Amino acid sequence: MTVRLFIDKEGSVGVDDCADVSRQVSAILDVEDPIADKYNLEVSSPGLDRPLFTLEQFQRYVGEDIAVHLRIPVLDRRKWQGKLEKIENDMLTLIVDGQEQVLIFGNIQKANVIAKF
């Protein structure tokens, strides 16, 4: 069995951050022993194309390119990709092909940051 733990913080998550959290969590799990079976503990960051779940996470990526999949289509589209321009209340504004597109947070099924190379 594998126990996966994803960590995040302001700025970027480095190897040292993962190692520190791994040591701390491992020590707690060794003492508390909540898992009866043998397991491997994996600690990592969400990655370059990290998924976004909360408005707070979206706020951290204002100015970045994101991809959004909607529950209900807007202008006959469920998939949108563009620069996250701003967030006001529960409304996200993307710049898509030079035009503003406002999307409702509650209509977002899945979203992630687009990795830049």
Protein backbone atom coordinates (compact mmCIF):
# COMPACT_ATOMS: atom_id res chain seq x y z
CA MET A 1 0.00 0.00 0.00
CA THR A 2 1.15 3.54 -0.73
CA VAL A 3 0.15 6.60 1.28
CA ARG A 4 0.51 9.71 -0.89
CA LEU A 5 0.68 13.16 0.65
CA PHE A 6 0.74 16.29 -1.52
CA ILE A 7 2.05 19.48 0.07
CA ASP A 8 1.72 23.06 -1.06
CA LYS A 9 2.85 26.46 0.17
CA GLU A 10 3.33 30.02 -1.00
CA GLY A 11 6.07 29.99 -3.59
CA SER A 12 7.30 26.61 -4.71
CA VAL A 13 7.70 23.30 -2.91
CA GLY A 14 11.24 21.92 -3.03
CA VAL A 15 12.84 18.57 -2.34
CA ASP A 16 13.89 19.75 1.13
CA ASP A 17 10.27 20.65 1.95
CA CYS A 18 9.12 17.17 0.92
CA ALA A 19 11.91 15.55 2.96
CA ASP A 20 11.04 17.62 6.07
CA VAL A 21 7.34 16.76 5.85
CA SER A 22 8.14 13.11 5.18
CA ARG A 23 10.28 12.90 8.33
CA GLN A 24 7.66 14.63 10.47
CA VAL A 25 4.71 12.60 9.18
CA SER A 26 6.68 9.37 9.34
CA ALA A 27 7.53 10.01 12.99
CA ILE A 28 3.87 10.64 13.83
CA LEU A 29 2.72 7.55 11.92
CA ASP A 30 5.34 5.43 13.68
CA VAL A 31 4.08 6.53 17.09
CA GLU A 32 0.33 6.54 16.37
CA ASP A 33 0.47 3.48 14.06
CA PRO A 34 -2.96 4.13 12.44
CA ILE A 35 -2.28 1.84 9.46
CA ALA A 36 -2.17 -1.87 10.20
CA ASP A 37 -0.59 -2.98 6.91
CA LYS A 38 2.88 -2.18 5.61
CA TYR A 39 2.95 0.97 3.51
CA ASN A 40 5.23 3.35 1.65
CA LEU A 41 4.91 7.05 2.40
CA GLU A 42 5.26 9.35 -0.62
CA VAL A 43 5.40 13.12 -0.14
CA SER A 44 5.42 15.40 -3.17
CA SER A 45 4.17 18.69 -4.58
CA PRO A 46 1.08 18.85 -6.80
CA GLY A 47 3.37 19.43 -9.81
CA LEU A 48 3.62 22.08 -12.49
CA ASP A 49 0.12 21.42 -13.80
CA ARG A 50 -1.39 21.38 -10.33
CA PRO A 51 -5.16 21.00 -9.97
CA LEU A 52 -7.08 23.92 -8.46
CA PHE A 53 -9.95 23.23 -6.05
CA THR A 54 -10.61 26.36 -3.97
CA LEU A 55 -11.01 30.06 -4.68
CA GLU A 56 -7.93 30.66 -2.52
CA GLN A 57 -5.90 28.40 -4.81
CA PHE A 58 -7.20 30.22 -7.90
CA GLN A 59 -6.28 33.56 -6.28
CA ARG A 60 -2.65 32.45 -6.00
CA TYR A 61 -2.51 31.93 -9.76
CA VAL A 62 -3.97 35.23 -11.00
CA GLY A 63 -1.85 36.18 -14.01
CA GLU A 64 -1.14 32.55 -14.94
CA ASP A 65 -2.61 30.41 -17.71
CA ILE A 66 -5.18 27.88 -16.56
CA ALA A 67 -7.42 25.24 -18.14
CA VAL A 68 -11.01 24.92 -16.94
CA HIS A 69 -13.64 22.21 -17.55
CA LEU A 70 -17.18 23.33 -16.79
CA ARG A 71 -20.17 21.34 -15.57
CA ILE A 72 -22.60 23.36 -17.72
CA PRO A 73 -21.38 24.85 -21.03
CA VAL A 74 -20.93 28.61 -21.42
CA LEU A 75 -21.31 29.81 -25.02
CA ASP A 76 -21.58 26.13 -26.05
CA ARG A 77 -18.16 25.34 -24.54
CA ARG A 78 -17.23 23.24 -21.55
CA LYS A 79 -13.44 23.61 -21.95
CA TRP A 80 -11.79 26.99 -21.55
CA GLN A 81 -8.13 27.92 -21.49
CA GLY A 82 -6.69 31.35 -20.86
CA LYS A 83 -4.96 33.77 -18.52
CA LEU A 84 -6.65 34.10 -15.14
CA GLU A 85 -7.17 37.85 -15.01
CA LYS A 86 -9.06 38.38 -11.75
CA ILE A 87 -11.42 36.89 -9.19
CA GLU A 88 -14.35 38.81 -7.73
CA ASN A 89 -16.61 37.01 -5.26
CA ASP A 90 -17.27 33.67 -6.98
CA MET A 91 -16.60 34.93 -10.53
CA LEU A 92 -13.36 34.19 -12.38
CA THR A 93 -12.35 36.29 -15.36
CA LEU A 94 -10.19 34.63 -18.00
CA ILE A 95 -8.60 36.32 -20.98
CA VAL A 96 -9.29 33.97 -23.89
CA ASP A 97 -8.07 35.01 -27.34
CA GLY A 98 -7.87 38.62 -26.15
CA GLN A 99 -11.46 38.67 -24.83
CA GLU A 100 -12.69 38.57 -21.24
CA GLN A 101 -14.73 35.51 -20.30
CA VAL A 102 -16.41 35.40 -16.89
CA LEU A 103 -16.98 31.97 -15.36
CA ILE A 104 -18.82 31.06 -12.16
CA PHE A 105 -16.67 29.15 -9.67
CA GLY A 106 -19.53 26.78 -8.80
CA ASN A 107 -19.75 25.71 -12.46
CA ILE A 108 -16.13 24.53 -12.55
CA GLN A 109 -15.81 20.76 -12.61
CA LYS A 110 -12.03 20.63 -12.95
CA ALA A 111 -9.24 23.19 -13.34
CA ASN A 112 -5.48 23.21 -13.42
CA VAL A 113 -2.52 25.50 -13.97
CA ILE A 114 -0.95 25.11 -17.40
CA ALA A 115 2.73 24.25 -17.07
CA LYS A 116 5.16 26.57 -18.85
CA PHE A 117 8.32 25.17 -20.38
